[in-house]
Amino acid sequence: MREPVLEVKGLETVFKTEEGSVPAVNGLDFSLYEGETLGIVGESGCGKSVAALSIMGLIPSPPGRVAAGQIMYRGEDLLGFSEERMRRIRGNQISMIFQEPMTALNPVYTVGNQIEETFRQHRNMSKQEAFQKSVQMLELVGIPLPEQRAGEYPHQLSGGMRQRVMIAMALACRPDVLIADEPTTALDVTIQAQILNLMKDLKKQFGTTIMLITHDLGVVAETAANVIVMYAGEAVEYAGVEDLFNAPRHPYTEGLLGSIPKIDESCEMLTTIEGVVPSLMDMPEGCRFHPRCHYKKELCTQKAPPLVESGASRVKCFKYTDQWPHRNRRTISP
C-alpha cells in the first residue's frame, strides 16, 4: 500500500473572538499521495485557506490556533514541530502559492531578491549562486527576459507575471507538496489557462504533489484527480473528480454543479442555492446545510449527519443512511 505524503486527521482550527471561540475548520480529514492533485472547493469563508495555513504553521496566534487533530508529513506530526524546524520545512519540503501575489510579495525587494532568499535559507548558496538559480527559475516558469525581470519590483510586473514569480518561489527547492491557494483568482481567462498549464507541466517534470484550493469547479475538472467539497468549515463530500461531476452526492455539491452554465441546446435555467452561508459564530443545530437544503427532514435539524460511503464517494448526509434507504452505504464515522 502506498503511504501518503501528507495526511490530515481530525483538523480543528479555531479563532478567539469577543463572542467566544469560532471553529473555522472542523474535523477535516484527507490523505495526499505522491504525484496526486487534490482539489478543495467551496465558497468564500468555508475554511479552505485556513486549512492550508494550518498545514503551513502560519495561523496567527493569537487569535487563532489548531485546537485538535494531526498533520502528518511522511509519518511525523507537524503540529509537534518547533517554529525553527517548521521554518526548515516551509518553503523547502512543503511550499505554498498564496492567493494574492501583490500582497504576498514584498514591495520593497526585487523579485530576484525574494527568490534568492529561498535558496540561501534552504540550500546555503552564495548570493551569486542564488541569483543565477533565481533567474533559471524565472525562465522555467515562462517569464521572458528573466535576468532583467529578476531586477524588477512586484509593481512593475503584470498580475500573471507576479503569479509566475510566486510559483517560481514555491518550486525553487522542488518541494514534495505544493499548496496552491486560488492560484488563478483575479487573472483573465487566457492567463488562467497559462498558469494551469504551467502547474501541470511542472508537476510532470518534478513529480510534485499538489493541493489545489479554489472555488472554480472548472479548474478542478481540468487539474484534480480527487476533490473535497467544504461547507461552513466542514468537508461534506470526498470524491474522485469524475464521480463528483457525474454523480454528486451532497445537496450542496448538487447546487454548486447546477449553478454552472452549460453550452448546449437545452437552454436550462441555472439553479440557485437559496439562503446564505451561516455565521461561524451561530451555526444551526444538526446538519450545517439544512437551512438551505430542499431534501431536509426533521432529523437533519436535530443532529449532525455521519460520514457515509455512497458508491465511490464519501458524504456527510442523512440521505445515505437508513432514513433514506440506499444500497451502497457504510458509515465511516459516527
C-alpha atoms as a PDB file:
ATOM      1  CA  MET A   1       0.000   0.000   0.000  1.00  0.00           C
ATOM      2  CA  ARG A   2       1.158   3.494  -0.814  1.00  0.00           C
ATOM      3  CA  GLU A   3       1.938   5.743   2.116  1.00  0.00           C
ATOM      4  CA  PRO A   4       0.538   9.281   1.916  1.00  0.00           C
ATOM      5  CA  VAL A   5       2.991  12.156   1.654  1.00  0.00           C
ATOM      6  CA  LEU A   6       0.644  14.344   3.697  1.00  0.00           C
ATOM      7  CA  GLU A   7      -2.195  13.139   5.909  1.00  0.00           C
ATOM      8  CA  VAL A   8      -4.566  15.406   7.829  1.00  0.00           C
ATOM      9  CA  LYS A   9      -6.599  13.798  10.626  1.00  0.00           C
ATOM     10  CA  GLY A  10      -9.438  15.498  12.506  1.00  0.00           C
ATOM     11  CA  LEU A  11      -8.073  19.009  11.966  1.00  0.00           C
ATOM     12  CA  GLU A  12      -9.833  21.680  14.024  1.00  0.00           C
ATOM     13  CA  THR A  13      -8.713  25.302  13.809  1.00  0.00           C
ATOM     14  CA  VAL A  14     -10.407  27.942  15.953  1.00  0.00           C
ATOM     15  CA  PHE A  15     -10.180  31.705  16.347  1.00  0.00           C
ATOM     16  CA  LYS A  16     -10.818  33.507  19.602  1.00  0.00           C
ATOM     17  CA  THR A  17     -13.247  36.436  19.382  1.00  0.00           C
ATOM     18  CA  GLU A  18     -15.109  38.627  21.850  1.00  0.00           C
ATOM     19  CA  GLU A  19     -18.102  36.294  21.433  1.00  0.00           C
ATOM     20  CA  GLY A  20     -16.027  33.167  22.080  1.00  0.00           C
ATOM     21  CA  SER A  21     -14.111  30.599  20.016  1.00  0.00           C
ATOM     22  CA  VAL A  22     -15.084  30.347  16.351  1.00  0.00           C
ATOM     23  CA  PRO A  23     -14.399  26.992  14.595  1.00  0.00           C
ATOM     24  CA  ALA A  24     -13.075  27.909  11.140  1.00  0.00           C
ATOM     25  CA  VAL A  25     -12.169  24.288  10.269  1.00  0.00           C
ATOM     26  CA  ASN A  26     -13.989  21.417  11.962  1.00  0.00           C
ATOM     27  CA  GLY A  27     -12.797  17.796  11.724  1.00  0.00           C
ATOM     28  CA  LEU A  28     -11.070  17.874   8.333  1.00  0.00           C
ATOM     29  CA  ASP A  29      -9.544  14.577   7.153  1.00  0.00           C
ATOM     30  CA  PHE A  30      -7.697  13.745   3.945  1.00  0.00           C
ATOM     31  CA  SER A  31      -4.662  11.922   2.562  1.00  0.00           C
ATOM     32  CA  LEU A  32      -2.465  13.255  -0.225  1.00  0.00           C
ATOM     33  CA  TYR A  33      -0.337  10.799  -2.196  1.00  0.00           C
ATOM     34  CA  GLU A  34       2.808  11.345  -4.233  1.00  0.00           C
ATOM     35  CA  GLY A  35       2.162  12.899  -7.638  1.00  0.00           C
ATOM     36  CA  GLU A  36      -1.552  13.431  -6.908  1.00  0.00           C
ATOM     37  CA  THR A  37      -3.529  16.634  -7.305  1.00  0.00           C
ATOM     38  CA  LEU A  38      -6.257  17.093  -4.701  1.00  0.00           C
ATOM     39  CA  GLY A  39      -8.819  19.829  -5.238  1.00  0.00           C
ATOM     40  CA  ILE A  40     -10.507  21.540  -2.276  1.00  0.00           C
ATOM     41  CA  VAL A  41     -13.561  23.540  -3.309  1.00  0.00           C
ATOM     42  CA  GLY A  42     -16.184  25.654  -1.590  1.00  0.00           C
ATOM     43  CA  GLU A  43     -17.356  29.225  -1.412  1.00  0.00           C
ATOM     44  CA  SER A  44     -15.502  32.027   0.350  1.00  0.00           C
ATOM     45  CA  GLY A  45     -15.288  31.576   4.112  1.00  0.00           C
ATOM     46  CA  CYS A  46     -15.724  27.787   4.115  1.00  0.00           C
ATOM     47  CA  GLY A  47     -12.289  27.151   5.662  1.00  0.00           C
ATOM     48  CA  LYS A  48     -10.178  26.227   2.618  1.00  0.00           C
ATOM     49  CA  SER A  49      -7.427  28.787   3.163  1.00  0.00           C
ATOM     50  CA  VAL A  50      -7.451  28.324   6.950  1.00  0.00           C
ATOM     51  CA  ALA A  51      -6.815  24.603   6.405  1.00  0.00           C
ATOM     52  CA  ALA A  52      -3.836  25.449   4.164  1.00  0.00           C
ATOM     53  CA  LEU A  53      -2.390  27.936   6.635  1.00  0.00           C
ATOM     54  CA  SER A  54      -2.830  25.370   9.420  1.00  0.00           C
ATOM     55  CA  ILE A  55      -0.734  22.878   7.447  1.00  0.00           C
ATOM     56  CA  MET A  56       1.949  25.508   6.838  1.00  0.00           C
ATOM     57  CA  GLY A  57       2.013  26.529  10.514  1.00  0.00           C
ATOM     58  CA  LEU A  58       1.022  30.089   9.596  1.00  0.00           C
ATOM     59  CA  ILE A  59      -2.146  30.548  11.641  1.00  0.00           C
ATOM     60  CA  PRO A  60      -1.677  33.844  13.534  1.00  0.00           C
ATOM     61  CA  SER A  61      -1.621  33.083  17.255  1.00  0.00           C
ATOM     62  CA  PRO A  62      -3.350  34.828  18.874  1.00  0.00           C
ATOM     63  CA  PRO A  63      -6.184  34.863  17.900  1.00  0.00           C
ATOM     64  CA  GLY A  64      -6.033  31.532  16.023  1.00  0.00           C
ATOM     65  CA  ARG A  65      -4.812  28.079  16.979  1.00  0.00           C
ATOM     66  CA  VAL A  66      -5.038  24.477  15.872  1.00  0.00           C
ATOM     67  CA  ALA A  67      -7.245  23.037  18.610  1.00  0.00           C
ATOM     68  CA  ALA A  68      -7.191  19.349  17.630  1.00  0.00           C
ATOM     69  CA  GLY A  69      -6.016  16.837  15.056  1.00  0.00           C
ATOM     70  CA  GLN A  70      -2.812  15.777  13.375  1.00  0.00           C
ATOM     71  CA  ILE A  71      -0.951  16.956  10.276  1.00  0.00           C
ATOM     72  CA  MET A  72       1.282  14.040   9.315  1.00  0.00           C
ATOM     73  CA  TYR A  73       4.099  14.707   6.838  1.00  0.00           C
ATOM     74  CA  ARG A  74       5.910  11.493   5.912  1.00  0.00           C
ATOM     75  CA  GLY A  75       4.924   9.933   9.237  1.00  0.00           C
ATOM     76  CA  GLU A  76       5.722  12.921  11.501  1.00  0.00           C
ATOM     77  CA  ASP A  77       3.169  15.254  13.064  1.00  0.00           C
ATOM     78  CA  LEU A  78       3.960  18.828  12.016  1.00  0.00           C
ATOM     79  CA  LEU A  79       1.957  20.156  14.950  1.00  0.00           C
ATOM     80  CA  GLY A  80       4.679  18.876  17.276  1.00  0.00           C
ATOM     81  CA  PHE A  81       7.474  20.703  15.418  1.00  0.00           C
ATOM     82  CA  SER A  82       9.185  23.759  16.855  1.00  0.00           C
ATOM     83  CA  GLU A  83       8.962  27.023  14.884  1.00  0.00           C
ATOM     84  CA  GLU A  84      12.626  26.654  13.900  1.00  0.00           C
ATOM     85  CA  ARG A  85      12.015  23.172  12.495  1.00  0.00           C
ATOM     86  CA  MET A  86       8.867  24.363  10.673  1.00  0.00           C
ATOM     87  CA  ARG A  87      10.918  27.091   9.009  1.00  0.00           C
ATOM     88  CA  ARG A  88      13.180  24.375   7.584  1.00  0.00           C
ATOM     89  CA  ILE A  89      10.119  22.503   6.249  1.00  0.00           C
ATOM     90  CA  ARG A  90       8.215  25.559   5.000  1.00  0.00           C
ATOM     91  CA  GLY A  91       9.316  26.586   1.508  1.00  0.00           C
ATOM     92  CA  ASN A  92      11.561  23.529   1.283  1.00  0.00           C
ATOM     93  CA  GLN A  93       9.544  20.283   1.571  1.00  0.00           C
ATOM     94  CA  ILE A  94       6.120  21.991   1.661  1.00  0.00           C
ATOM     95  CA  SER A  95       5.547  25.233  -0.244  1.00  0.00           C
ATOM     96  CA  MET A  96       2.547  27.462  -0.798  1.00  0.00           C
ATOM     97  CA  ILE A  97       1.368  29.764  -3.562  1.00  0.00           C
ATOM     98  CA  PHE A  98      -0.638  32.460  -1.794  1.00  0.00           C
ATOM     99  CA  GLN A  99      -3.935  33.798  -3.041  1.00  0.00           C
ATOM    100  CA  GLU A 100      -2.895  37.349  -3.932  1.00  0.00           C
ATOM    101  CA  PRO A 101       0.699  37.730  -5.158  1.00  0.00           C
ATOM    102  CA  MET A 102       0.651  41.521  -4.897  1.00  0.00           C
ATOM    103  CA  THR A 103       0.236  41.278  -1.124  1.00  0.00           C
ATOM    104  CA  ALA A 104       2.306  38.094  -0.692  1.00  0.00           C
ATOM    105  CA  LEU A 105       5.359  39.573  -2.428  1.00  0.00           C
ATOM    106  CA  ASN A 106       7.381  42.223  -0.573  1.00  0.00           C
ATOM    107  CA  PRO A 107       7.021  45.527  -2.485  1.00  0.00           C
ATOM    108  CA  VAL A 108      10.442  46.895  -1.439  1.00  0.00           C
ATOM    109  CA  TYR A 109      12.555  43.963  -2.696  1.00  0.00           C
ATOM    110  CA  THR A 110      13.116  42.881  -6.279  1.00  0.00           C
ATOM    111  CA  VAL A 111      11.531  39.589  -7.284  1.00  0.00           C
ATOM    112  CA  GLY A 112      15.018  38.161  -7.793  1.00  0.00           C
ATOM    113  CA  ASN A 113      15.958  39.026  -4.194  1.00  0.00           C
ATOM    114  CA  GLN A 114      12.841  37.277  -2.915  1.00  0.00           C
ATOM    115  CA  ILE A 115      13.509  34.049  -4.819  1.00  0.00           C
ATOM    116  CA  GLU A 116      17.186  34.212  -3.804  1.00  0.00           C
ATOM    117  CA  GLU A 117      16.165  34.219  -0.149  1.00  0.00           C
ATOM    118  CA  THR A 118      14.581  30.774  -0.575  1.00  0.00           C
ATOM    119  CA  PHE A 119      17.807  29.308  -1.974  1.00  0.00           C
ATOM    120  CA  ARG A 120      20.003  30.963   0.637  1.00  0.00           C
ATOM    121  CA  GLN A 121      17.733  29.874   3.503  1.00  0.00           C
ATOM    122  CA  HIS A 122      17.328  26.238   2.456  1.00  0.00           C
ATOM    123  CA  ARG A 123      20.302  25.480   0.171  1.00  0.00           C
ATOM    124  CA  ASN A 124      23.034  27.575   1.833  1.00  0.00           C
ATOM    125  CA  MET A 125      24.083  29.131  -1.508  1.00  0.00           C
ATOM    126  CA  SER A 126      26.200  32.232  -2.029  1.00  0.00           C
ATOM    127  CA  LYS A 127      24.377  35.357  -3.229  1.00  0.00           C
ATOM    128  CA  GLN A 128      25.753  34.940  -6.757  1.00  0.00           C
ATOM    129  CA  GLU A 129      24.713  31.264  -6.961  1.00  0.00           C
ATOM    130  CA  ALA A 130      21.267  32.084  -5.579  1.00  0.00           C
ATOM    131  CA  PHE A 131      20.807  34.876  -8.139  1.00  0.00           C
ATOM    132  CA  GLN A 132      21.676  32.563 -11.042  1.00  0.00           C
ATOM    133  CA  LYS A 133      19.278  29.907  -9.742  1.00  0.00           C
ATOM    134  CA  SER A 134      16.567  32.572  -9.370  1.00  0.00           C
ATOM    135  CA  VAL A 135      16.996  33.597 -12.997  1.00  0.00           C
ATOM    136  CA  GLN A 136      16.758  29.932 -14.018  1.00  0.00           C
ATOM    137  CA  MET A 137      13.511  29.562 -12.057  1.00  0.00           C
ATOM    138  CA  LEU A 138      12.012  32.652 -13.702  1.00  0.00           C
ATOM    139  CA  GLU A 139      12.939  31.198 -17.079  1.00  0.00           C
ATOM    140  CA  LEU A 140      11.437  27.835 -16.087  1.00  0.00           C
ATOM    141  CA  VAL A 141       8.049  29.394 -15.310  1.00  0.00           C
ATOM    142  CA  GLY A 142       7.975  31.182 -18.665  1.00  0.00           C
ATOM    143  CA  ILE A 143       8.883  34.755 -17.769  1.00  0.00           C
ATOM    144  CA  PRO A 144      10.569  36.490 -20.751  1.00  0.00           C
ATOM    145  CA  LEU A 145      13.892  38.286 -20.201  1.00  0.00           C
ATOM    146  CA  PRO A 146      14.312  36.573 -16.819  1.00  0.00           C
ATOM    147  CA  GLU A 147      17.577  38.303 -15.880  1.00  0.00           C
ATOM    148  CA  GLN A 148      16.009  41.708 -16.425  1.00  0.00           C
ATOM    149  CA  ARG A 149      12.795  40.764 -14.598  1.00  0.00           C
ATOM    150  CA  ALA A 150      14.801  39.492 -11.615  1.00  0.00           C
ATOM    151  CA  GLY A 151      15.908  43.093 -11.016  1.00  0.00           C
ATOM    152  CA  GLU A 152      12.366  44.480 -11.090  1.00  0.00           C
ATOM    153  CA  TYR A 153       9.896  45.074  -8.260  1.00  0.00           C
ATOM    154  CA  PRO A 154       6.463  43.402  -7.970  1.00  0.00           C
ATOM    155  CA  HIS A 155       4.562  46.535  -9.020  1.00  0.00           C
ATOM    156  CA  GLN A 156       6.483  46.555 -12.327  1.00  0.00           C
ATOM    157  CA  LEU A 157       5.073  43.149 -13.311  1.00  0.00           C
ATOM    158  CA  SER A 158       1.642  42.177 -14.588  1.00  0.00           C
ATOM    159  CA  GLY A 159      -0.694  40.031 -12.479  1.00  0.00           C
ATOM    160  CA  GLY A 160       0.147  36.932 -14.496  1.00  0.00           C
ATOM    161  CA  MET A 161       3.891  37.532 -14.126  1.00  0.00           C
ATOM    162  CA  ARG A 162       3.559  38.077 -10.375  1.00  0.00           C
ATOM    163  CA  GLN A 163       1.738  34.760 -10.102  1.00  0.00           C
ATOM    164  CA  ARG A 164       4.545  33.083 -12.061  1.00  0.00           C
ATOM    165  CA  VAL A 165       7.060  34.621  -9.647  1.00  0.00           C
ATOM    166  CA  MET A 166       5.104  33.104  -6.752  1.00  0.00           C
ATOM    167  CA  ILE A 167       5.182  29.710  -8.477  1.00  0.00           C
ATOM    168  CA  ALA A 168       8.932  30.058  -9.125  1.00  0.00           C
ATOM    169  CA  MET A 169       9.492  30.871  -5.458  1.00  0.00           C
ATOM    170  CA  ALA A 170       7.298  27.995  -4.274  1.00  0.00           C
ATOM    171  CA  LEU A 171       9.032  25.464  -6.552  1.00  0.00           C
ATOM    172  CA  ALA A 172      12.563  26.762  -6.042  1.00  0.00           C
ATOM    173  CA  CYS A 173      13.559  23.916  -3.707  1.00  0.00           C
ATOM    174  CA  ARG A 174      11.470  21.306  -5.538  1.00  0.00           C
ATOM    175  CA  PRO A 175       9.087  20.628  -2.641  1.00  0.00           C
ATOM    176  CA  ASP A 176       7.292  17.334  -2.052  1.00  0.00           C
ATOM    177  CA  VAL A 177       3.983  19.171  -1.572  1.00  0.00           C
ATOM    178  CA  LEU A 178       2.765  22.363  -3.237  1.00  0.00           C
ATOM    179  CA  ILE A 179      -0.300  24.080  -1.761  1.00  0.00           C
ATOM    180  CA  ALA A 180      -1.849  26.409  -4.342  1.00  0.00           C
ATOM    181  CA  ASP A 181      -4.420  28.775  -2.808  1.00  0.00           C
ATOM    182  CA  GLU A 182      -6.620  30.202  -5.572  1.00  0.00           C
ATOM    183  CA  PRO A 183      -3.666  30.452  -7.995  1.00  0.00           C
ATOM    184  CA  THR A 184      -5.799  31.829 -10.863  1.00  0.00           C
ATOM    185  CA  THR A 185      -8.068  34.251  -8.976  1.00  0.00           C
ATOM    186  CA  ALA A 186      -8.250  37.780 -10.465  1.00  0.00           C
ATOM    187  CA  LEU A 187      -6.448  36.689 -13.649  1.00  0.00           C
ATOM    188  CA  ASP A 188      -8.078  36.894 -17.064  1.00  0.00           C
ATOM    189  CA  VAL A 189      -9.033  33.595 -18.685  1.00  0.00           C
ATOM    190  CA  THR A 190      -6.054  33.365 -21.057  1.00  0.00           C
ATOM    191  CA  ILE A 191      -3.582  33.917 -18.205  1.00  0.00           C
ATOM    192  CA  GLN A 192      -5.540  31.443 -16.047  1.00  0.00           C
ATOM    193  CA  ALA A 193      -5.089  28.792 -18.719  1.00  0.00           C
ATOM    194  CA  GLN A 194      -1.361  29.538 -18.952  1.00  0.00           C
ATOM    195  CA  ILE A 195      -0.905  29.255 -15.164  1.00  0.00           C
ATOM    196  CA  LEU A 196      -2.823  25.950 -15.000  1.00  0.00           C
ATOM    197  CA  ASN A 197      -0.828  24.521 -17.919  1.00  0.00           C
ATOM    198  CA  LEU A 198       2.371  25.657 -16.237  1.00  0.00           C
ATOM    199  CA  MET A 199       1.430  23.895 -12.988  1.00  0.00           C
ATOM    200  CA  LYS A 200       0.599  20.681 -14.877  1.00  0.00           C
ATOM    201  CA  ASP A 201       3.893  20.812 -16.786  1.00  0.00           C
ATOM    202  CA  LEU A 202       5.919  21.410 -13.622  1.00  0.00           C
ATOM    203  CA  LYS A 203       4.066  18.594 -11.873  1.00  0.00           C
ATOM    204  CA  LYS A 204       5.092  16.217 -14.677  1.00  0.00           C
ATOM    205  CA  GLN A 205       8.659  17.489 -14.606  1.00  0.00           C
ATOM    206  CA  PHE A 206       9.216  17.369 -10.826  1.00  0.00           C
ATOM    207  CA  GLY A 207       6.554  14.865  -9.679  1.00  0.00           C
ATOM    208  CA  THR A 208       5.194  17.450  -7.243  1.00  0.00           C
ATOM    209  CA  THR A 209       2.135  16.587  -5.139  1.00  0.00           C
ATOM    210  CA  ILE A 210      -0.418  19.415  -5.324  1.00  0.00           C
ATOM    211  CA  MET A 211      -3.200  20.549  -3.018  1.00  0.00           C
ATOM    212  CA  LEU A 212      -5.265  22.960  -5.119  1.00  0.00           C
ATOM    213  CA  ILE A 213      -7.646  25.303  -3.288  1.00  0.00           C
ATOM    214  CA  THR A 214     -10.270  27.004  -5.436  1.00  0.00           C
ATOM    215  CA  HIS A 215     -13.925  27.945  -5.747  1.00  0.00           C
ATOM    216  CA  ASP A 216     -13.815  27.307  -9.509  1.00  0.00           C
ATOM    217  CA  LEU A 217     -15.135  23.847 -10.389  1.00  0.00           C
ATOM    218  CA  GLY A 218     -13.854  24.266 -13.947  1.00  0.00           C
ATOM    219  CA  VAL A 219     -10.300  24.486 -12.623  1.00  0.00           C
ATOM    220  CA  VAL A 220     -10.899  21.353 -10.535  1.00  0.00           C
ATOM    221  CA  ALA A 221     -12.263  19.429 -13.528  1.00  0.00           C
ATOM    222  CA  GLU A 222      -9.155  20.269 -15.535  1.00  0.00           C
ATOM    223  CA  THR A 223      -6.466  19.592 -12.947  1.00  0.00           C
ATOM    224  CA  ALA A 224      -7.534  17.413  -9.983  1.00  0.00           C
ATOM    225  CA  ALA A 225      -7.869  13.655  -9.539  1.00  0.00           C
ATOM    226  CA  ASN A 226      -9.773  13.815  -6.238  1.00  0.00           C
ATOM    227  CA  VAL A 227     -11.948  16.510  -4.703  1.00  0.00           C
ATOM    228  CA  ILE A 228     -13.066  17.624  -1.242  1.00  0.00           C
ATOM    229  CA  VAL A 229     -16.143  19.864  -1.066  1.00  0.00           C
ATOM    230  CA  MET A 230     -16.208  22.108   2.023  1.00  0.00           C
ATOM    231  CA  TYR A 231     -19.133  23.961   3.542  1.00  0.00           C
ATOM    232  CA  ALA A 232     -19.115  26.119   6.691  1.00  0.00           C
ATOM    233  CA  GLY A 233     -15.803  24.730   7.943  1.00  0.00           C
ATOM    234  CA  GLU A 234     -16.570  21.052   7.262  1.00  0.00           C
ATOM    235  CA  ALA A 235     -15.793  18.624   4.445  1.00  0.00           C
ATOM    236  CA  VAL A 236     -19.208  17.454   3.230  1.00  0.00           C
ATOM    237  CA  GLU A 237     -18.129  15.290   0.283  1.00  0.00           C
ATOM    238  CA  TYR A 238     -14.999  13.377  -0.765  1.00  0.00           C
ATOM    239  CA  ALA A 239     -14.988  12.036  -4.333  1.00  0.00           C
ATOM    240  CA  GLY A 240     -12.960  11.324  -7.441  1.00  0.00           C
ATOM    241  CA  VAL A 241     -13.311  14.154  -9.936  1.00  0.00           C
ATOM    242  CA  GLU A 242     -15.354  12.080 -12.422  1.00  0.00           C
ATOM    243  CA  ASP A 243     -17.676  10.801  -9.697  1.00  0.00           C
ATOM    244  CA  LEU A 244     -18.189  14.325  -8.399  1.00  0.00           C
ATOM    245  CA  PHE A 245     -19.252  15.713 -11.764  1.00  0.00           C
ATOM    246  CA  ASN A 246     -21.222  12.687 -12.959  1.00  0.00           C
ATOM    247  CA  ALA A 247     -22.965  11.753  -9.696  1.00  0.00           C
ATOM    248  CA  PRO A 248     -22.738  14.443  -6.984  1.00  0.00           C
ATOM    249  CA  ARG A 249     -23.978  13.105  -3.654  1.00  0.00           C
ATOM    250  CA  HIS A 250     -24.279  16.011  -1.239  1.00  0.00           C
ATOM    251  CA  PRO A 251     -27.110  18.523  -1.848  1.00  0.00           C
ATOM    252  CA  TYR A 252     -24.585  21.357  -1.616  1.00  0.00           C
ATOM    253  CA  THR A 253     -22.431  19.775  -4.324  1.00  0.00           C
ATOM    254  CA  GLU A 254     -25.552  19.336  -6.465  1.00  0.00           C
ATOM    255  CA  GLY A 255     -26.266  23.042  -6.025  1.00  0.00           C
ATOM    256  CA  LEU A 256     -22.737  24.062  -6.980  1.00  0.00           C
ATOM    257  CA  LEU A 257     -22.803  21.966 -10.143  1.00  0.00           C
ATOM    258  CA  GLY A 258     -26.308  23.156 -11.015  1.00  0.00           C
ATOM    259  CA  SER A 259     -25.093  26.762 -10.991  1.00  0.00           C
ATOM    260  CA  ILE A 260     -22.507  26.162 -13.736  1.00  0.00           C
ATOM    261  CA  PRO A 261     -23.601  27.438 -17.182  1.00  0.00           C
ATOM    262  CA  LYS A 262     -23.765  24.696 -19.829  1.00  0.00           C
ATOM    263  CA  ILE A 263     -23.029  25.220 -23.513  1.00  0.00           C
ATOM    264  CA  ASP A 264     -25.629  23.030 -25.186  1.00  0.00           C
ATOM    265  CA  GLU A 265     -29.050  23.253 -26.776  1.00  0.00           C
ATOM    266  CA  SER A 266     -31.039  22.532 -23.621  1.00  0.00           C
ATOM    267  CA  CYS A 267     -31.129  26.196 -22.506  1.00  0.00           C
ATOM    268  CA  GLU A 268     -31.797  25.036 -18.956  1.00  0.00           C
ATOM    269  CA  MET A 269     -32.191  27.670 -16.272  1.00  0.00           C
ATOM    270  CA  LEU A 270     -29.350  27.770 -13.777  1.00  0.00           C
ATOM    271  CA  THR A 271     -30.291  26.592 -10.311  1.00  0.00           C
ATOM    272  CA  THR A 272     -29.526  28.568  -7.173  1.00  0.00           C
ATOM    273  CA  ILE A 273     -28.886  27.590  -3.571  1.00  0.00           C
ATOM    274  CA  GLU A 274     -31.423  29.527  -1.542  1.00  0.00           C
ATOM    275  CA  GLY A 275     -30.368  31.295   1.629  1.00  0.00           C
ATOM    276  CA  VAL A 276     -26.903  32.278   2.860  1.00  0.00           C
ATOM    277  CA  VAL A 277     -23.937  30.558   4.481  1.00  0.00           C
ATOM    278  CA  PRO A 278     -24.422  30.513   8.277  1.00  0.00           C
ATOM    279  CA  SER A 279     -22.180  32.581  10.509  1.00  0.00           C
ATOM    280  CA  LEU A 280     -19.381  30.558  12.087  1.00  0.00           C
ATOM    281  CA  MET A 281     -20.400  32.137  15.400  1.00  0.00           C
ATOM    282  CA  ASP A 282     -24.007  30.961  15.067  1.00  0.00           C
ATOM    283  CA  MET A 283     -24.135  27.538  13.439  1.00  0.00           C
ATOM    284  CA  PRO A 284     -27.541  25.852  13.065  1.00  0.00           C
ATOM    285  CA  GLU A 285     -28.268  22.732  15.086  1.00  0.00           C
ATOM    286  CA  GLY A 286     -27.851  19.443  13.251  1.00  0.00           C
ATOM    287  CA  CYS A 287     -26.608  19.485   9.667  1.00  0.00           C
ATOM    288  CA  ARG A 288     -24.963  22.815   8.865  1.00  0.00           C
ATOM    289  CA  PHE A 289     -26.526  22.847   5.407  1.00  0.00           C
ATOM    290  CA  HIS A 290     -30.110  22.026   6.406  1.00  0.00           C
ATOM    291  CA  PRO A 291     -31.469  25.637   6.357  1.00  0.00           C
ATOM    292  CA  ARG A 292     -30.689  25.730   2.611  1.00  0.00           C
ATOM    293  CA  CYS A 293     -31.408  22.095   1.717  1.00  0.00           C
ATOM    294  CA  HIS A 294     -34.576  21.076  -0.176  1.00  0.00           C
ATOM    295  CA  TYR A 295     -34.146  17.438   0.956  1.00  0.00           C
ATOM    296  CA  LYS A 296     -34.130  18.204   4.682  1.00  0.00           C
ATOM    297  CA  LYS A 297     -36.175  16.243   7.198  1.00  0.00           C
ATOM    298  CA  GLU A 298     -36.704  16.838  10.909  1.00  0.00           C
ATOM    299  CA  LEU A 299     -33.733  14.568  11.672  1.00  0.00           C
ATOM    300  CA  CYS A 300     -31.423  16.990   9.840  1.00  0.00           C
ATOM    301  CA  THR A 301     -32.281  19.747  12.298  1.00  0.00           C
ATOM    302  CA  GLN A 302     -31.556  17.618  15.370  1.00  0.00           C
ATOM    303  CA  LYS A 303     -28.072  16.142  14.934  1.00  0.00           C
ATOM    304  CA  ALA A 304     -25.082  16.276  12.643  1.00  0.00           C
ATOM    305  CA  PRO A 305     -25.021  13.647   9.875  1.00  0.00           C
ATOM    306  CA  PRO A 306     -22.373  10.913   9.844  1.00  0.00           C
ATOM    307  CA  LEU A 307     -19.815  10.455   7.107  1.00  0.00           C
ATOM    308  CA  VAL A 308     -21.010   7.548   4.943  1.00  0.00           C
ATOM    309  CA  GLU A 309     -19.916   5.780   1.792  1.00  0.00           C
ATOM    310  CA  SER A 310     -22.101   6.125  -1.276  1.00  0.00           C
ATOM    311  CA  GLY A 311     -20.699   4.420  -4.342  1.00  0.00           C
ATOM    312  CA  ALA A 312     -17.097   5.562  -4.698  1.00  0.00           C
ATOM    313  CA  SER A 313     -17.756   8.756  -2.727  1.00  0.00           C
ATOM    314  CA  ARG A 314     -17.972   9.655   0.963  1.00  0.00           C
ATOM    315  CA  VAL A 315     -20.609  12.142   2.018  1.00  0.00           C
ATOM    316  CA  LYS A 316     -21.982  13.782   5.181  1.00  0.00           C
ATOM    317  CA  CYS A 317     -25.705  13.461   4.600  1.00  0.00           C
ATOM    318  CA  PHE A 318     -28.597  11.523   6.139  1.00  0.00           C
ATOM    319  CA  LYS A 319     -29.889  10.746   2.632  1.00  0.00           C
ATOM    320  CA  TYR A 320     -27.428   7.857   2.505  1.00  0.00           C
ATOM    321  CA  THR A 321     -28.263   6.336   5.892  1.00  0.00           C
ATOM    322  CA  ASP A 322     -31.189   4.154   6.980  1.00  0.00           C
ATOM    323  CA  GLN A 323     -33.518   7.167   6.978  1.00  0.00           C
ATOM    324  CA  TRP A 324     -33.044   7.345   3.217  1.00  0.00           C
ATOM    325  CA  PRO A 325     -32.678   3.677   2.124  1.00  0.00           C
ATOM    326  CA  HIS A 326     -29.699   3.280  -0.150  1.00  0.00           C
ATOM    327  CA  ARG A 327     -27.890   0.208  -1.364  1.00  0.00           C
ATOM    328  CA  ASN A 328     -24.264   1.288  -1.244  1.00  0.00           C
ATOM    329  CA  ARG A 329     -23.718   2.812   2.150  1.00  0.00           C
ATOM    330  CA  ARG A 330     -21.391   2.184   5.056  1.00  0.00           C
ATOM    331  CA  THR A 331     -20.841   4.504   7.976  1.00  0.00           C
ATOM    332  CA  ILE A 332     -17.273   5.821   8.237  1.00  0.00           C
ATOM    333  CA  SER A 333     -17.627   7.779  11.448  1.00  0.00           C
ATOM    334  CA  PRO A 334     -20.391   8.357  13.999  1.00  0.00           C
END
